[in-house]
Amino acid sequence: MRRISAFILIIIIAFAVYVDLSKGTLPKHIAPVVAEVTNLEKGEQEVGHTYFEKEVNRGDTVLSIIEQQNMNIENLPINVIAEDFSTLNNGIKPEEIQYGNTYKFPSYNNEN
């Protein structure tokens, strides 16, 4: 009887770990998209970027916040994300963010 109970307990724990790692257990809070801005720096063509505002918590990074908000950004280069963040926040670099402050983060959900 102990072996069966231990086996069932291991199966339950393995399933819980699988669900936690694949889907997560906490609901994602998706901030509303606020506005659209235009990037005309460095001779680029006019490109509209939507963004959302979020207060940074301890341990947050620009990339982690953008990954929480946006779906399917795996193919988007990190340097593009960093440039878009700096453009939206008057030249603030992603590594210079401070917790407790609110910043604008680019939203890539509506773009191809």
N, C-alpha and C. Protein backbone atom coordinates (compact mmCIF):
# COMPACT_ATOMS: atom_id res chain seq x y z
N MET A 1 0.81 -1.19 0.00
CA MET A 1 0.00 0.00 0.00
C MET A 1 0.86 1.27 0.00
N ARG A 2 1.99 1.22 0.69
CA ARG A 2 2.87 2.38 0.73
C ARG A 2 3.47 2.67 -0.64
N ARG A 3 3.80 1.63 -1.37
CA ARG A 3 4.38 1.82 -2.69
C ARG A 3 3.38 2.47 -3.64
N ILE A 4 2.14 2.05 -3.58
CA ILE A 4 1.11 2.62 -4.44
C ILE A 4 0.88 4.08 -4.07
N SER A 5 0.83 4.38 -2.79
CA SER A 5 0.64 5.77 -2.34
C SER A 5 1.82 6.64 -2.77
N ALA A 6 3.03 6.13 -2.64
CA ALA A 6 4.22 6.89 -3.05
C ALA A 6 4.21 7.11 -4.56
N PHE A 7 3.84 6.09 -5.32
CA PHE A 7 3.77 6.21 -6.77
C PHE A 7 2.74 7.26 -7.19
N ILE A 8 1.57 7.25 -6.58
CA ILE A 8 0.52 8.23 -6.90
C ILE A 8 0.99 9.63 -6.52
N LEU A 9 1.65 9.78 -5.39
CA LEU A 9 2.17 11.07 -4.96
C LEU A 9 3.21 11.60 -5.95
N ILE A 10 4.09 10.72 -6.44
CA ILE A 10 5.09 11.13 -7.42
C ILE A 10 4.43 11.57 -8.72
N ILE A 11 3.41 10.87 -9.16
CA ILE A 11 2.67 11.23 -10.37
C ILE A 11 2.02 12.60 -10.21
N ILE A 12 1.40 12.85 -9.08
CA ILE A 12 0.74 14.14 -8.83
C ILE A 12 1.76 15.27 -8.82
N ILE A 13 2.89 15.07 -8.17
CA ILE A 13 3.93 16.10 -8.12
C ILE A 13 4.49 16.35 -9.52
N ALA A 14 4.75 15.31 -10.27
CA ALA A 14 5.27 15.46 -11.63
C ALA A 14 4.28 16.23 -12.51
N PHE A 15 2.99 15.92 -12.39
CA PHE A 15 1.99 16.64 -13.16
C PHE A 15 1.93 18.12 -12.76
N ALA A 16 1.99 18.39 -11.46
CA ALA A 16 1.96 19.78 -10.99
C ALA A 16 3.17 20.56 -11.50
N VAL A 17 4.33 19.95 -11.48
CA VAL A 17 5.53 20.62 -11.99
C VAL A 17 5.41 20.87 -13.48
N TYR A 18 4.90 19.88 -14.23
CA TYR A 18 4.71 20.05 -15.67
C TYR A 18 3.77 21.22 -15.97
N VAL A 19 2.64 21.28 -15.30
CA VAL A 19 1.67 22.36 -15.54
C VAL A 19 2.28 23.70 -15.17
N ASP A 20 3.00 23.76 -14.06
CA ASP A 20 3.61 25.02 -13.62
C ASP A 20 4.65 25.50 -14.62
N LEU A 21 5.46 24.61 -15.15
CA LEU A 21 6.50 25.02 -16.08
C LEU A 21 5.97 25.31 -17.48
N SER A 22 4.94 24.63 -17.91
CA SER A 22 4.45 24.83 -19.27
C SER A 22 3.41 25.95 -19.38
N LYS A 23 2.51 26.05 -18.42
CA LYS A 23 1.44 27.04 -18.50
C LYS A 23 1.52 28.09 -17.42
N GLY A 24 2.12 27.77 -16.30
CA GLY A 24 2.17 28.69 -15.18
C GLY A 24 0.92 28.58 -14.34
N THR A 25 1.02 29.04 -13.12
CA THR A 25 -0.13 28.95 -12.22
C THR A 25 -0.70 30.31 -11.87
N LEU A 26 0.06 31.37 -12.11
CA LEU A 26 -0.42 32.71 -11.80
C LEU A 26 -1.01 33.34 -13.05
N PRO A 27 -2.11 34.06 -12.90
CA PRO A 27 -2.68 34.73 -14.06
C PRO A 27 -1.76 35.87 -14.51
N LYS A 28 -1.68 36.05 -15.82
CA LYS A 28 -0.87 37.13 -16.36
C LYS A 28 -1.71 38.39 -16.39
N HIS A 29 -1.12 39.46 -15.89
CA HIS A 29 -1.78 40.76 -15.96
C HIS A 29 -1.26 41.45 -17.21
N ILE A 30 -2.14 41.70 -18.14
CA ILE A 30 -1.76 42.36 -19.38
C ILE A 30 -2.25 43.80 -19.31
N ALA A 31 -1.29 44.71 -19.39
CA ALA A 31 -1.60 46.13 -19.30
C ALA A 31 -2.26 46.59 -20.60
N PRO A 32 -3.15 47.57 -20.53
CA PRO A 32 -3.78 48.06 -21.74
C PRO A 32 -2.79 48.84 -22.60
N VAL A 33 -2.95 48.74 -23.90
CA VAL A 33 -2.12 49.51 -24.82
C VAL A 33 -2.56 50.95 -24.74
N VAL A 34 -1.61 51.86 -24.56
CA VAL A 34 -1.94 53.25 -24.28
C VAL A 34 -2.04 54.11 -25.53
N ALA A 35 -1.03 54.12 -26.36
CA ALA A 35 -1.04 55.04 -27.49
C ALA A 35 -0.10 54.56 -28.57
N GLU A 36 0.01 55.35 -29.61
CA GLU A 36 0.90 55.02 -30.70
C GLU A 36 1.86 56.18 -30.91
N VAL A 37 3.13 55.88 -31.09
CA VAL A 37 4.12 56.92 -31.32
C VAL A 37 4.80 56.66 -32.66
N THR A 38 5.49 57.66 -33.15
CA THR A 38 6.17 57.54 -34.42
C THR A 38 7.66 57.67 -34.21
N ASN A 39 8.44 56.81 -34.85
CA ASN A 39 9.88 56.81 -34.73
C ASN A 39 10.47 57.34 -36.03
N LEU A 40 11.09 58.53 -35.99
CA LEU A 40 11.67 59.12 -37.19
C LEU A 40 13.17 59.33 -37.03
N GLU A 41 13.79 58.63 -36.11
CA GLU A 41 15.22 58.80 -35.86
C GLU A 41 16.05 58.09 -36.92
N LYS A 42 17.26 58.58 -37.13
CA LYS A 42 18.27 57.93 -37.95
C LYS A 42 17.79 57.67 -39.37
N GLY A 43 16.96 58.53 -39.92
CA GLY A 43 16.53 58.38 -41.29
C GLY A 43 15.60 57.21 -41.55
N GLU A 44 15.02 56.65 -40.50
CA GLU A 44 14.13 55.51 -40.68
C GLU A 44 12.80 55.97 -41.27
N GLN A 45 12.12 55.04 -41.87
CA GLN A 45 10.79 55.34 -42.36
C GLN A 45 9.86 55.50 -41.17
N GLU A 46 8.75 56.15 -41.41
CA GLU A 46 7.79 56.36 -40.33
C GLU A 46 7.15 55.03 -39.95
N VAL A 47 7.34 54.64 -38.70
CA VAL A 47 6.81 53.37 -38.20
C VAL A 47 6.07 53.66 -36.90
N GLY A 48 4.82 53.28 -36.82
CA GLY A 48 4.05 53.50 -35.60
C GLY A 48 4.24 52.35 -34.62
N HIS A 49 4.56 52.66 -33.39
CA HIS A 49 4.70 51.64 -32.35
C HIS A 49 3.65 51.90 -31.28
N THR A 50 2.96 50.87 -30.90
CA THR A 50 2.06 51.00 -29.77
C THR A 50 2.85 50.64 -28.53
N TYR A 51 2.40 51.16 -27.39
CA TYR A 51 3.10 50.89 -26.15
C TYR A 51 2.13 50.79 -25.00
N PHE A 52 2.60 50.28 -23.89
CA PHE A 52 1.84 50.24 -22.66
C PHE A 52 2.74 50.75 -21.55
N GLU A 53 2.13 51.26 -20.50
CA GLU A 53 2.89 51.76 -19.36
C GLU A 53 2.77 50.78 -18.21
N LYS A 54 3.88 50.59 -17.50
CA LYS A 54 3.89 49.66 -16.38
C LYS A 54 4.90 50.13 -15.35
N GLU A 55 4.53 49.97 -14.09
CA GLU A 55 5.45 50.26 -13.00
C GLU A 55 6.37 49.06 -12.81
N VAL A 56 7.66 49.32 -12.68
CA VAL A 56 8.65 48.26 -12.58
C VAL A 56 8.74 47.78 -11.13
N ASN A 57 8.67 46.46 -10.94
CA ASN A 57 8.83 45.85 -9.62
C ASN A 57 10.25 45.35 -9.47
N ARG A 58 10.63 45.00 -8.25
CA ARG A 58 11.97 44.45 -8.01
C ARG A 58 12.14 43.19 -8.85
N GLY A 59 13.29 43.08 -9.48
CA GLY A 59 13.60 41.89 -10.27
C GLY A 59 13.10 41.95 -11.70
N ASP A 60 12.29 42.94 -12.06
CA ASP A 60 11.81 43.05 -13.43
C ASP A 60 12.91 43.58 -14.34
N THR A 61 12.90 43.09 -15.56
CA THR A 61 13.76 43.64 -16.61
C THR A 61 12.87 44.06 -17.76
N VAL A 62 13.42 44.85 -18.65
CA VAL A 62 12.64 45.28 -19.81
C VAL A 62 12.17 44.06 -20.59
N LEU A 63 13.05 43.12 -20.81
CA LEU A 63 12.70 41.94 -21.58
C LEU A 63 11.64 41.09 -20.89
N SER A 64 11.73 40.93 -19.57
CA SER A 64 10.73 40.11 -18.87
C SER A 64 9.35 40.76 -18.91
N ILE A 65 9.31 42.08 -18.79
CA ILE A 65 8.02 42.78 -18.84
C ILE A 65 7.41 42.68 -20.24
N ILE A 66 8.25 42.85 -21.27
CA ILE A 66 7.74 42.78 -22.63
C ILE A 66 7.30 41.36 -22.97
N GLU A 67 8.01 40.35 -22.48
CA GLU A 67 7.60 38.96 -22.72
C GLU A 67 6.28 38.64 -22.05
N GLN A 68 6.01 39.22 -20.88
CA GLN A 68 4.74 38.99 -20.19
C GLN A 68 3.58 39.58 -20.98
N GLN A 69 3.80 40.72 -21.60
CA GLN A 69 2.74 41.45 -22.30
C GLN A 69 2.52 40.95 -23.72
N ASN A 70 3.57 40.56 -24.41
CA ASN A 70 3.50 40.24 -25.82
C ASN A 70 3.60 38.75 -26.06
N MET A 71 2.91 38.29 -27.06
CA MET A 71 2.97 36.89 -27.47
C MET A 71 3.86 36.79 -28.71
N ASN A 72 4.58 35.69 -28.82
CA ASN A 72 5.36 35.35 -30.00
C ASN A 72 6.38 36.43 -30.39
N ILE A 73 7.28 36.77 -29.47
CA ILE A 73 8.34 37.71 -29.81
C ILE A 73 9.69 37.00 -29.88
N GLU A 74 9.68 35.68 -30.02
CA GLU A 74 10.91 34.91 -30.04
C GLU A 74 11.83 35.33 -31.19
N ASN A 75 11.28 35.71 -32.33
CA ASN A 75 12.07 36.06 -33.50
C ASN A 75 12.46 37.53 -33.54
N LEU A 76 12.08 38.30 -32.55
CA LEU A 76 12.38 39.72 -32.52
C LEU A 76 13.74 39.94 -31.86
N PRO A 77 14.67 40.59 -32.54
CA PRO A 77 16.01 40.80 -31.96
C PRO A 77 15.94 41.68 -30.70
N ILE A 78 16.79 41.35 -29.76
CA ILE A 78 16.81 42.09 -28.49
C ILE A 78 17.23 43.54 -28.71
N ASN A 79 18.13 43.79 -29.66
CA ASN A 79 18.56 45.17 -29.90
C ASN A 79 17.41 46.04 -30.42
N VAL A 80 16.47 45.44 -31.16
CA VAL A 80 15.29 46.19 -31.62
C VAL A 80 14.41 46.56 -30.43
N ILE A 81 14.22 45.62 -29.52
CA ILE A 81 13.43 45.88 -28.32
C ILE A 81 14.09 46.99 -27.50
N ALA A 82 15.41 46.92 -27.33
CA ALA A 82 16.13 47.93 -26.56
C ALA A 82 16.02 49.31 -27.21
N GLU A 83 16.15 49.37 -28.54
CA GLU A 83 16.03 50.66 -29.24
C GLU A 83 14.62 51.23 -29.11
N ASP A 84 13.60 50.38 -29.27
CA ASP A 84 12.22 50.85 -29.14
C ASP A 84 11.95 51.36 -27.73
N PHE A 85 12.45 50.63 -26.71
CA PHE A 85 12.27 51.08 -25.32
C PHE A 85 12.94 52.43 -25.10
N SER A 86 14.17 52.60 -25.58
CA SER A 86 14.88 53.87 -25.41
C SER A 86 14.17 55.01 -26.12
N THR A 87 13.63 54.74 -27.31
CA THR A 87 12.90 55.76 -28.05
C THR A 87 11.66 56.21 -27.29
N LEU A 88 10.94 55.26 -26.73
CA LEU A 88 9.72 55.60 -26.00
C LEU A 88 9.99 56.34 -24.70
N ASN A 89 11.17 56.15 -24.11
CA ASN A 89 11.47 56.72 -22.79
C ASN A 89 12.59 57.76 -22.84
N ASN A 90 12.64 58.53 -23.91
CA ASN A 90 13.57 59.66 -24.03
C ASN A 90 15.02 59.26 -23.81
N GLY A 91 15.45 58.15 -24.39
CA GLY A 91 16.84 57.75 -24.35
C GLY A 91 17.28 56.95 -23.14
N ILE A 92 16.36 56.60 -22.25
CA ILE A 92 16.73 55.78 -21.10
C ILE A 92 17.07 54.38 -21.61
N LYS A 93 18.23 53.87 -21.21
CA LYS A 93 18.65 52.54 -21.63
C LYS A 93 17.93 51.48 -20.79
N PRO A 94 17.68 50.31 -21.36
CA PRO A 94 16.98 49.25 -20.62
C PRO A 94 17.67 48.88 -19.30
N GLU A 95 19.00 48.93 -19.26
CA GLU A 95 19.70 48.56 -18.04
C GLU A 95 19.65 49.66 -16.97
N GLU A 96 19.08 50.81 -17.28
CA GLU A 96 19.01 51.91 -16.34
C GLU A 96 17.65 52.04 -15.64
N ILE A 97 16.74 51.09 -15.88
CA ILE A 97 15.43 51.21 -15.24
C ILE A 97 15.56 51.00 -13.74
N GLN A 98 14.66 51.63 -13.00
CA GLN A 98 14.66 51.53 -11.55
C GLN A 98 13.27 51.10 -11.09
N TYR A 99 13.25 50.20 -10.10
CA TYR A 99 11.96 49.72 -9.63
C TYR A 99 11.21 50.87 -8.96
N GLY A 100 9.91 50.80 -9.07
CA GLY A 100 9.05 51.84 -8.51
C GLY A 100 8.70 52.92 -9.52
N ASN A 101 9.47 53.04 -10.60
CA ASN A 101 9.18 54.02 -11.64
C ASN A 101 8.31 53.39 -12.72
N THR A 102 7.54 54.23 -13.41
CA THR A 102 6.69 53.78 -14.50
C THR A 102 7.35 54.14 -15.82
N TYR A 103 7.41 53.18 -16.72
CA TYR A 103 8.02 53.38 -18.02
C TYR A 103 7.06 52.95 -19.12
N LYS A 104 7.36 53.37 -20.35
CA LYS A 104 6.61 52.95 -21.52
C LYS A 104 7.35 51.77 -22.15
N PHE A 105 6.63 50.70 -22.45
CA PHE A 105 7.20 49.51 -23.05
C PHE A 105 6.53 49.26 -24.39
N PRO A 106 7.31 48.94 -25.43
CA PRO A 106 6.70 48.70 -26.74
C PRO A 106 5.82 47.46 -26.74
N SER A 107 4.73 47.56 -27.48
CA SER A 107 3.81 46.45 -27.62
C SER A 107 3.89 45.95 -29.06
N TYR A 108 4.17 44.66 -29.22
CA TYR A 108 4.34 44.08 -30.55
C TYR A 108 3.19 43.16 -30.92
N ASN A 109 2.10 43.14 -30.19
CA ASN A 109 1.00 42.21 -30.45
C ASN A 109 0.31 42.49 -31.79
N ASN A 110 0.18 43.74 -32.19
CA ASN A 110 -0.57 44.08 -33.40
C ASN A 110 0.31 44.18 -34.63
N GLU A 111 1.62 43.94 -34.48
CA GLU A 111 2.52 44.07 -35.62
C GLU A 111 2.80 42.73 -36.22
N ASN A 112 3.21 42.71 -37.48
CA ASN A 112 3.50 41.45 -38.16
C ASN A 112 4.90 41.00 -37.89
